[in-house]
Structures are given as C-alpha cells and as structure tokens.
Amino acid sequence: MARLRVHVVPNAKINKVVGEHGGAIKIKLRAQAVEGKANAALHCFLADQLNISQRAIILEHGQRSRDKVIRIDGMTEEDVRSRLLGAL
C-alpha cells in the first residue's frame, strides 16, 4: 500500500504530472475545483496513469485542499513515484 502526497493545480490546459512540489507530486488537472470535480478528475487521472482500478485509490486527506494525501492499494510508493515521475 502506497501513501502519497499530491499537490493539485486545477483549471490547467491539460492533465499531466509536472514534477515535485515540496516532496509532493505536482499534478495539473483540467477540472475546476468546485463540487468535487477536481477530486474526481484526480481519481480518473491516477487510475489511467497507473493502470489500476479507481477503487484502489482512496483520498485520505485534503478533500477541499490542493494538498492531498492519497492511498493506493496494491502498489508500493516507489512503484507509484516511478510510474508518475518516470516519464518526465
């Protein structure tokens, strides 16, 4: 099980991982930060990038914040970081 800090930037032009931000993975999302749209987009984006089910991704902290803590079941933190940051 991986526990990951993520910094989300809503209202971006495209969905993509842009690097690290203070130890957290910085992700730009096209969705707006209203009514949980950015959280839903983050779930879809991570599931697609990591090639896993959305059910394996749990938002533990940061429902209404740009800084979030995500738990990903079935993967190690090293695997998640290498998949997300490896293409940079």
PDB file of N, CA and C in Angstrom:
ATOM      1  N   MET A   1       0.841  -1.175   0.000  1.00  0.00           N
ATOM      2  CA  MET A   1       0.000   0.000   0.000  1.00  0.00           C
ATOM      3  C   MET A   1       0.889   1.242   0.000  1.00  0.00           C
ATOM      4  N   ALA A   2       0.628   2.140  -0.928  1.00  0.00           N
ATOM      5  CA  ALA A   2       1.392   3.380  -1.037  1.00  0.00           C
ATOM      6  C   ALA A   2       0.585   4.527  -0.461  1.00  0.00           C
ATOM      7  N   ARG A   3       1.254   5.388   0.270  1.00  0.00           N
ATOM      8  CA  ARG A   3       0.638   6.629   0.754  1.00  0.00           C
ATOM      9  C   ARG A   3       1.433   7.758   0.118  1.00  0.00           C
ATOM     10  N   LEU A   4       0.736   8.624  -0.572  1.00  0.00           N
ATOM     11  CA  LEU A   4       1.381   9.589  -1.455  1.00  0.00           C
ATOM     12  C   LEU A   4       0.834  10.988  -1.221  1.00  0.00           C
ATOM     13  N   ARG A   5       1.737  11.969  -1.149  1.00  0.00           N
ATOM     14  CA  ARG A   5       1.308  13.373  -1.074  1.00  0.00           C
ATOM     15  C   ARG A   5       1.235  13.923  -2.487  1.00  0.00           C
ATOM     16  N   VAL A   6       0.143  14.634  -2.773  1.00  0.00           N
ATOM     17  CA  VAL A   6      -0.098  15.180  -4.104  1.00  0.00           C
ATOM     18  C   VAL A   6      -0.477  16.655  -3.965  1.00  0.00           C
ATOM     19  N   HIS A   7       0.081  17.482  -4.843  1.00  0.00           N
ATOM     20  CA  HIS A   7      -0.311  18.899  -4.927  1.00  0.00           C
ATOM     21  C   HIS A   7      -1.024  19.075  -6.265  1.00  0.00           C
ATOM     22  N   VAL A   8      -2.304  19.458  -6.210  1.00  0.00           N
ATOM     23  CA  VAL A   8      -3.142  19.561  -7.403  1.00  0.00           C
ATOM     24  C   VAL A   8      -3.278  21.025  -7.823  1.00  0.00           C
ATOM     25  N   VAL A   9      -3.128  21.257  -9.138  1.00  0.00           N
ATOM     26  CA  VAL A   9      -3.347  22.579  -9.722  1.00  0.00           C
ATOM     27  C   VAL A   9      -4.548  22.456 -10.659  1.00  0.00           C
ATOM     28  N   PRO A  10      -5.729  22.953 -10.232  1.00  0.00           N
ATOM     29  CA  PRO A  10      -6.922  22.852 -11.080  1.00  0.00           C
ATOM     30  C   PRO A  10      -6.919  23.900 -12.188  1.00  0.00           C
ATOM     31  N   ASN A  11      -7.838  23.764 -13.129  1.00  0.00           N
ATOM     32  CA  ASN A  11      -8.040  24.697 -14.244  1.00  0.00           C
ATOM     33  C   ASN A  11      -6.830  24.808 -15.163  1.00  0.00           C
ATOM     34  N   ALA A  12      -6.095  23.729 -15.346  1.00  0.00           N
ATOM     35  CA  ALA A  12      -4.941  23.729 -16.244  1.00  0.00           C
ATOM     36  C   ALA A  12      -5.399  23.437 -17.672  1.00  0.00           C
ATOM     37  N   LYS A  13      -4.503  23.638 -18.620  1.00  0.00           N
ATOM     38  CA  LYS A  13      -4.848  23.377 -20.022  1.00  0.00           C
ATOM     39  C   LYS A  13      -4.919  21.888 -20.323  1.00  0.00           C
ATOM     40  N   ILE A  14      -4.051  21.099 -19.687  1.00  0.00           N
ATOM     41  CA  ILE A  14      -4.058  19.654 -19.901  1.00  0.00           C
ATOM     42  C   ILE A  14      -3.835  18.942 -18.563  1.00  0.00           C
ATOM     43  N   ASN A  15      -4.199  17.667 -18.514  1.00  0.00           N
ATOM     44  CA  ASN A  15      -3.933  16.835 -17.344  1.00  0.00           C
ATOM     45  C   ASN A  15      -2.529  16.268 -17.482  1.00  0.00           C
ATOM     46  N   LYS A  16      -1.656  16.558 -16.498  1.00  0.00           N
ATOM     47  CA  LYS A  16      -0.321  15.972 -16.553  1.00  0.00           C
ATOM     48  C   LYS A  16       0.406  16.129 -15.239  1.00  0.00           C
ATOM     49  N   VAL A  17       1.378  15.252 -15.032  1.00  0.00           N
ATOM     50  CA  VAL A  17       2.282  15.339 -13.889  1.00  0.00           C
ATOM     51  C   VAL A  17       3.403  16.281 -14.303  1.00  0.00           C
ATOM     52  N   VAL A  18       3.671  17.287 -13.477  1.00  0.00           N
ATOM     53  CA  VAL A  18       4.676  18.284 -13.847  1.00  0.00           C
ATOM     54  C   VAL A  18       5.937  18.210 -13.007  1.00  0.00           C
ATOM     55  N   GLY A  19       5.983  17.359 -11.995  1.00  0.00           N
ATOM     56  CA  GLY A  19       7.185  17.227 -11.180  1.00  0.00           C
ATOM     57  C   GLY A  19       6.844  17.113  -9.709  1.00  0.00           C
ATOM     58  N   GLU A  20       7.751  17.645  -8.888  1.00  0.00           N
ATOM     59  CA  GLU A  20       7.551  17.593  -7.449  1.00  0.00           C
ATOM     60  C   GLU A  20       7.405  18.995  -6.888  1.00  0.00           C
ATOM     61  N   HIS A  21       6.688  19.092  -5.772  1.00  0.00           N
ATOM     62  CA  HIS A  21       6.434  20.374  -5.117  1.00  0.00           C
ATOM     63  C   HIS A  21       6.538  20.136  -3.615  1.00  0.00           C
ATOM     64  N   GLY A  22       7.703  20.420  -3.045  1.00  0.00           N
ATOM     65  CA  GLY A  22       7.885  20.234  -1.603  1.00  0.00           C
ATOM     66  C   GLY A  22       7.706  18.806  -1.137  1.00  0.00           C
ATOM     67  N   GLY A  23       8.179  17.845  -1.888  1.00  0.00           N
ATOM     68  CA  GLY A  23       8.042  16.434  -1.525  1.00  0.00           C
ATOM     69  C   GLY A  23       6.776  15.778  -2.031  1.00  0.00           C
ATOM     70  N   ALA A  24       5.843  16.570  -2.525  1.00  0.00           N
ATOM     71  CA  ALA A  24       4.600  16.036  -3.083  1.00  0.00           C
ATOM     72  C   ALA A  24       4.708  16.000  -4.603  1.00  0.00           C
ATOM     73  N   ILE A  25       3.939  15.121  -5.224  1.00  0.00           N
ATOM     74  CA  ILE A  25       3.895  15.068  -6.686  1.00  0.00           C
ATOM     75  C   ILE A  25       2.903  16.125  -7.158  1.00  0.00           C
ATOM     76  N   LYS A  26       3.351  17.000  -8.056  1.00  0.00           N
ATOM     77  CA  LYS A  26       2.511  18.086  -8.559  1.00  0.00           C
ATOM     78  C   LYS A  26       1.801  17.640  -9.831  1.00  0.00           C
ATOM     79  N   ILE A  27       0.470  17.732  -9.816  1.00  0.00           N
ATOM     80  CA  ILE A  27      -0.352  17.289 -10.938  1.00  0.00           C
ATOM     81  C   ILE A  27      -1.271  18.427 -11.365  1.00  0.00           C
ATOM     82  N   LYS A  28      -1.247  18.747 -12.659  1.00  0.00           N
ATOM     83  CA  LYS A  28      -2.159  19.742 -13.218  1.00  0.00           C
ATOM     84  C   LYS A  28      -3.372  19.015 -13.782  1.00  0.00           C
ATOM     85  N   LEU A  29      -4.563  19.549 -13.482  1.00  0.00           N
ATOM     86  CA  LEU A  29      -5.813  18.946 -13.947  1.00  0.00           C
ATOM     87  C   LEU A  29      -6.681  19.994 -14.633  1.00  0.00           C
ATOM     88  N   ARG A  30      -7.389  19.583 -15.668  1.00  0.00           N
ATOM     89  CA  ARG A  30      -8.280  20.490 -16.404  1.00  0.00           C
ATOM     90  C   ARG A  30      -9.530  20.833 -15.608  1.00  0.00           C
ATOM     91  N   ALA A  31      -9.923  19.984 -14.690  1.00  0.00           N
ATOM     92  CA  ALA A  31     -11.172  20.168 -13.941  1.00  0.00           C
ATOM     93  C   ALA A  31     -11.100  21.368 -13.008  1.00  0.00           C
ATOM     94  N   GLN A  32     -12.252  21.948 -12.752  1.00  0.00           N
ATOM     95  CA  GLN A  32     -12.360  23.054 -11.811  1.00  0.00           C
ATOM     96  C   GLN A  32     -12.408  22.516 -10.390  1.00  0.00           C
ATOM     97  N   ALA A  33     -12.012  23.358  -9.458  1.00  0.00           N
ATOM     98  CA  ALA A  33     -12.006  22.972  -8.046  1.00  0.00           C
ATOM     99  C   ALA A  33     -13.348  23.308  -7.391  1.00  0.00           C
ATOM    100  N   VAL A  34     -14.424  22.825  -7.969  1.00  0.00           N
ATOM    101  CA  VAL A  34     -15.761  23.038  -7.404  1.00  0.00           C
ATOM    102  C   VAL A  34     -16.520  21.718  -7.368  1.00  0.00           C
ATOM    103  N   GLU A  35     -17.282  21.527  -6.306  1.00  0.00           N
ATOM    104  CA  GLU A  35     -18.172  20.370  -6.160  1.00  0.00           C
ATOM    105  C   GLU A  35     -17.480  19.030  -6.386  1.00  0.00           C
ATOM    106  N   GLY A  36     -16.227  18.918  -6.003  1.00  0.00           N
ATOM    107  CA  GLY A  36     -15.507  17.661  -6.098  1.00  0.00           C
ATOM    108  C   GLY A  36     -15.059  17.271  -7.498  1.00  0.00           C
ATOM    109  N   LYS A  37     -15.171  18.177  -8.464  1.00  0.00           N
ATOM    110  CA  LYS A  37     -14.790  17.846  -9.838  1.00  0.00           C
ATOM    111  C   LYS A  37     -13.288  17.553  -9.954  1.00  0.00           C
ATOM    112  N   ALA A  38     -12.462  18.328  -9.263  1.00  0.00           N
ATOM    113  CA  ALA A  38     -11.021  18.105  -9.334  1.00  0.00           C
ATOM    114  C   ALA A  38     -10.639  16.783  -8.651  1.00  0.00           C
ATOM    115  N   ASN A  39     -11.311  16.444  -7.556  1.00  0.00           N
ATOM    116  CA  ASN A  39     -11.038  15.172  -6.884  1.00  0.00           C
ATOM    117  C   ASN A  39     -11.411  13.989  -7.785  1.00  0.00           C
ATOM    118  N   ALA A  40     -12.554  14.080  -8.444  1.00  0.00           N
ATOM    119  CA  ALA A  40     -12.969  13.017  -9.366  1.00  0.00           C
ATOM    120  C   ALA A  40     -11.999  12.910 -10.538  1.00  0.00           C
ATOM    121  N   ALA A  41     -11.556  14.050 -11.056  1.00  0.00           N
ATOM    122  CA  ALA A  41     -10.598  14.049 -12.163  1.00  0.00           C
ATOM    123  C   ALA A  41      -9.268  13.464 -11.721  1.00  0.00           C
ATOM    124  N   LEU A  42      -8.872  13.740 -10.479  1.00  0.00           N
ATOM    125  CA  LEU A  42      -7.617  13.179  -9.947  1.00  0.00           C
ATOM    126  C   LEU A  42      -7.710  11.659  -9.867  1.00  0.00           C
ATOM    127  N   HIS A  43      -8.840  11.137  -9.401  1.00  0.00           N
ATOM    128  CA  HIS A  43      -9.042   9.682  -9.345  1.00  0.00           C
ATOM    129  C   HIS A  43      -8.899   9.068 -10.739  1.00  0.00           C
ATOM    130  N   CYS A  44      -9.591   9.645 -11.714  1.00  0.00           N
ATOM    131  CA  CYS A  44      -9.541   9.121 -13.088  1.00  0.00           C
ATOM    132  C   CYS A  44      -8.135   9.206 -13.660  1.00  0.00           C
ATOM    133  N   PHE A  45      -7.472  10.337 -13.455  1.00  0.00           N
ATOM    134  CA  PHE A  45      -6.130  10.541 -13.992  1.00  0.00           C
ATOM    135  C   PHE A  45      -5.141   9.544 -13.404  1.00  0.00           C
ATOM    136  N   LEU A  46      -5.163   9.380 -12.074  1.00  0.00           N
ATOM    137  CA  LEU A  46      -4.239   8.442 -11.430  1.00  0.00           C
ATOM    138  C   LEU A  46      -4.513   7.005 -11.856  1.00  0.00           C
ATOM    139  N   ALA A  47      -5.780   6.624 -11.932  1.00  0.00           N
ATOM    140  CA  ALA A  47      -6.125   5.260 -12.355  1.00  0.00           C
ATOM    141  C   ALA A  47      -5.625   4.995 -13.768  1.00  0.00           C
ATOM    142  N   ASP A  48      -5.768   5.980 -14.645  1.00  0.00           N
ATOM    143  CA  ASP A  48      -5.304   5.837 -16.026  1.00  0.00           C
ATOM    144  C   ASP A  48      -3.775   5.767 -16.106  1.00  0.00           C
ATOM    145  N   GLN A  49      -3.092   6.660 -15.404  1.00  0.00           N
ATOM    146  CA  GLN A  49      -1.630   6.711 -15.441  1.00  0.00           C
ATOM    147  C   GLN A  49      -0.987   5.477 -14.821  1.00  0.00           C
ATOM    148  N   LEU A  50      -1.601   4.955 -13.748  1.00  0.00           N
ATOM    149  CA  LEU A  50      -1.037   3.809 -13.037  1.00  0.00           C
ATOM    150  C   LEU A  50      -1.590   2.485 -13.537  1.00  0.00           C
ATOM    151  N   ASN A  51      -2.586   2.553 -14.428  1.00  0.00           N
ATOM    152  CA  ASN A  51      -3.215   1.356 -14.997  1.00  0.00           C
ATOM    153  C   ASN A  51      -3.801   0.457 -13.900  1.00  0.00           C
ATOM    154  N   ILE A  52      -4.567   1.084 -13.005  1.00  0.00           N
ATOM    155  CA  ILE A  52      -5.223   0.364 -11.915  1.00  0.00           C
ATOM    156  C   ILE A  52      -6.686   0.804 -11.834  1.00  0.00           C
ATOM    157  N   SER A  53      -7.456   0.116 -11.013  1.00  0.00           N
ATOM    158  CA  SER A  53      -8.864   0.445 -10.811  1.00  0.00           C
ATOM    159  C   SER A  53      -8.990   1.706  -9.954  1.00  0.00           C
ATOM    160  N   GLN A  54     -10.045   2.478 -10.192  1.00  0.00           N
ATOM    161  CA  GLN A  54     -10.289   3.669  -9.373  1.00  0.00           C
ATOM    162  C   GLN A  54     -10.584   3.297  -7.920  1.00  0.00           C
ATOM    163  N   ARG A  55     -11.069   2.095  -7.699  1.00  0.00           N
ATOM    164  CA  ARG A  55     -11.360   1.640  -6.337  1.00  0.00           C
ATOM    165  C   ARG A  55     -10.108   1.506  -5.492  1.00  0.00           C
ATOM    166  N   ALA A  56      -8.954   1.325  -6.123  1.00  0.00           N
ATOM    167  CA  ALA A  56      -7.691   1.174  -5.395  1.00  0.00           C
ATOM    168  C   ALA A  56      -7.141   2.512  -4.920  1.00  0.00           C
ATOM    169  N   ILE A  57      -7.753   3.614  -5.339  1.00  0.00           N
ATOM    170  CA  ILE A  57      -7.280   4.952  -5.000  1.00  0.00           C
ATOM    171  C   ILE A  57      -8.233   5.578  -3.990  1.00  0.00           C
ATOM    172  N   ILE A  58      -7.691   5.926  -2.815  1.00  0.00           N
ATOM    173  CA  ILE A  58      -8.506   6.487  -1.749  1.00  0.00           C
ATOM    174  C   ILE A  58      -7.930   7.829  -1.330  1.00  0.00           C
ATOM    175  N   LEU A  59      -8.774   8.850  -1.317  1.00  0.00           N
ATOM    176  CA  LEU A  59      -8.378  10.178  -0.866  1.00  0.00           C
ATOM    177  C   LEU A  59      -8.521  10.211   0.657  1.00  0.00           C
ATOM    178  N   GLU A  60      -7.383  10.220   1.367  1.00  0.00           N
ATOM    179  CA  GLU A  60      -7.418  10.175   2.827  1.00  0.00           C
ATOM    180  C   GLU A  60      -7.569  11.560   3.451  1.00  0.00           C
ATOM    181  N   HIS A  61      -6.836  12.547   2.943  1.00  0.00           N
ATOM    182  CA  HIS A  61      -6.874  13.901   3.491  1.00  0.00           C
ATOM    183  C   HIS A  61      -6.858  14.900   2.349  1.00  0.00           C
ATOM    184  N   GLY A  62      -7.491  16.054   2.583  1.00  0.00           N
ATOM    185  CA  GLY A  62      -7.417  17.132   1.618  1.00  0.00           C
ATOM    186  C   GLY A  62      -8.589  17.223   0.667  1.00  0.00           C
ATOM    187  N   GLN A  63      -9.784  16.859   1.121  1.00  0.00           N
ATOM    188  CA  GLN A  63     -10.978  16.955   0.271  1.00  0.00           C
ATOM    189  C   GLN A  63     -11.109  18.330  -0.368  1.00  0.00           C
ATOM    190  N   ARG A  64     -10.837  19.385   0.404  1.00  0.00           N
ATOM    191  CA  ARG A  64     -11.042  20.753  -0.064  1.00  0.00           C
ATOM    192  C   ARG A  64      -9.737  21.532  -0.175  1.00  0.00           C
ATOM    193  N   SER A  65      -8.636  20.826  -0.288  1.00  0.00           N
ATOM    194  CA  SER A  65      -7.325  21.469  -0.351  1.00  0.00           C
ATOM    195  C   SER A  65      -6.598  21.058  -1.626  1.00  0.00           C
ATOM    196  N   ARG A  66      -5.634  21.859  -2.027  1.00  0.00           N
ATOM    197  CA  ARG A  66      -4.799  21.474  -3.161  1.00  0.00           C
ATOM    198  C   ARG A  66      -3.795  20.400  -2.763  1.00  0.00           C
ATOM    199  N   ASP A  67      -3.427  20.401  -1.476  1.00  0.00           N
ATOM    200  CA  ASP A  67      -2.508  19.391  -0.953  1.00  0.00           C
ATOM    201  C   ASP A  67      -3.318  18.224  -0.416  1.00  0.00           C
ATOM    202  N   LYS A  68      -3.072  17.043  -0.976  1.00  0.00           N
ATOM    203  CA  LYS A  68      -3.865  15.867  -0.650  1.00  0.00           C
ATOM    204  C   LYS A  68      -2.966  14.702  -0.260  1.00  0.00           C
ATOM    205  N   VAL A  69      -3.518  13.782   0.495  1.00  0.00           N
ATOM    206  CA  VAL A  69      -2.849  12.517   0.801  1.00  0.00           C
ATOM    207  C   VAL A  69      -3.703  11.422   0.179  1.00  0.00           C
ATOM    208  N   ILE A  70      -3.075  10.665  -0.713  1.00  0.00           N
ATOM    209  CA  ILE A  70      -3.753   9.601  -1.458  1.00  0.00           C
ATOM    210  C   ILE A  70      -3.188   8.256  -1.013  1.00  0.00           C
ATOM    211  N   ARG A  71      -4.069   7.285  -0.781  1.00  0.00           N
ATOM    212  CA  ARG A  71      -3.635   5.912  -0.518  1.00  0.00           C
ATOM    213  C   ARG A  71      -3.941   5.082  -1.755  1.00  0.00           C
ATOM    214  N   ILE A  72      -2.943   4.328  -2.192  1.00  0.00           N
ATOM    215  CA  ILE A  72      -3.118   3.468  -3.362  1.00  0.00           C
ATOM    216  C   ILE A  72      -2.842   2.031  -2.935  1.00  0.00           C
ATOM    217  N   ASP A  73      -3.887   1.214  -2.966  1.00  0.00           N
ATOM    218  CA  ASP A  73      -3.771  -0.184  -2.556  1.00  0.00           C
ATOM    219  C   ASP A  73      -3.166  -1.019  -3.678  1.00  0.00           C
ATOM    220  N   GLY A  74      -2.307  -1.959  -3.304  1.00  0.00           N
ATOM    221  CA  GLY A  74      -1.751  -2.894  -4.269  1.00  0.00           C
ATOM    222  C   GLY A  74      -0.467  -2.429  -4.944  1.00  0.00           C
ATOM    223  N   MET A  75       0.056  -1.276  -4.545  1.00  0.00           N
ATOM    224  CA  MET A  75       1.305  -0.772  -5.133  1.00  0.00           C
ATOM    225  C   MET A  75       2.175  -0.193  -4.025  1.00  0.00           C
ATOM    226  N   THR A  76       3.488  -0.187  -4.250  1.00  0.00           N
ATOM    227  CA  THR A  76       4.398   0.451  -3.308  1.00  0.00           C
ATOM    228  C   THR A  76       4.586   1.913  -3.709  1.00  0.00           C
ATOM    229  N   GLU A  77       5.049   2.714  -2.776  1.00  0.00           N
ATOM    230  CA  GLU A  77       5.264   4.136  -3.057  1.00  0.00           C
ATOM    231  C   GLU A  77       6.326   4.322  -4.140  1.00  0.00           C
ATOM    232  N   GLU A  78       7.345   3.467  -4.142  1.00  0.00           N
ATOM    233  CA  GLU A  78       8.397   3.551  -5.158  1.00  0.00           C
ATOM    234  C   GLU A  78       7.836   3.286  -6.558  1.00  0.00           C
ATOM    235  N   ASP A  79       6.950   2.291  -6.674  1.00  0.00           N
ATOM    236  CA  ASP A  79       6.319   1.985  -7.967  1.00  0.00           C
ATOM    237  C   ASP A  79       5.485   3.160  -8.466  1.00  0.00           C
ATOM    238  N   VAL A  80       4.700   3.739  -7.575  1.00  0.00           N
ATOM    239  CA  VAL A  80       3.834   4.854  -7.955  1.00  0.00           C
ATOM    240  C   VAL A  80       4.670   6.040  -8.401  1.00  0.00           C
ATOM    241  N   ARG A  81       5.688   6.403  -7.615  1.00  0.00           N
ATOM    242  CA  ARG A  81       6.546   7.536  -7.977  1.00  0.00           C
ATOM    243  C   ARG A  81       7.272   7.299  -9.294  1.00  0.00           C
ATOM    244  N   SER A  82       7.762   6.096  -9.520  1.00  0.00           N
ATOM    245  CA  SER A  82       8.498   5.828 -10.755  1.00  0.00           C
ATOM    246  C   SER A  82       7.559   5.876 -11.964  1.00  0.00           C
ATOM    247  N   ARG A  83       6.323   5.405 -11.834  1.00  0.00           N
ATOM    248  CA  ARG A  83       5.378   5.462 -12.944  1.00  0.00           C
ATOM    249  C   ARG A  83       4.935   6.881 -13.262  1.00  0.00           C
ATOM    250  N   LEU A  84       4.704   7.685 -12.205  1.00  0.00           N
ATOM    251  CA  LEU A  84       4.229   9.037 -12.410  1.00  0.00           C
ATOM    252  C   LEU A  84       5.350  10.003 -12.820  1.00  0.00           C
ATOM    253  N   LEU A  85       6.506   9.867 -12.190  1.00  0.00           N
ATOM    254  CA  LEU A  85       7.600  10.808 -12.438  1.00  0.00           C
ATOM    255  C   LEU A  85       8.602  10.290 -13.453  1.00  0.00           C
ATOM    256  N   GLY A  86       8.500   9.020 -13.822  1.00  0.00           N
ATOM    257  CA  GLY A  86       9.466   8.428 -14.737  1.00  0.00           C
ATOM    258  C   GLY A  86       9.435   8.994 -16.142  1.00  0.00           C
ATOM    259  N   ALA A  87       8.292   9.485 -16.578  1.00  0.00           N
ATOM    260  CA  ALA A  87       8.153   9.997 -17.945  1.00  0.00           C
ATOM    261  C   ALA A  87       8.603  11.451 -18.082  1.00  0.00           C
ATOM    262  N   LEU A  88       9.007  12.075 -16.986  1.00  0.00           N
ATOM    263  CA  LEU A  88       9.411  13.490 -17.034  1.00  0.00           C
ATOM    264  C   LEU A  88      10.793  13.654 -17.599  1.00  0.00           C
TER     265      LEU A  88
END
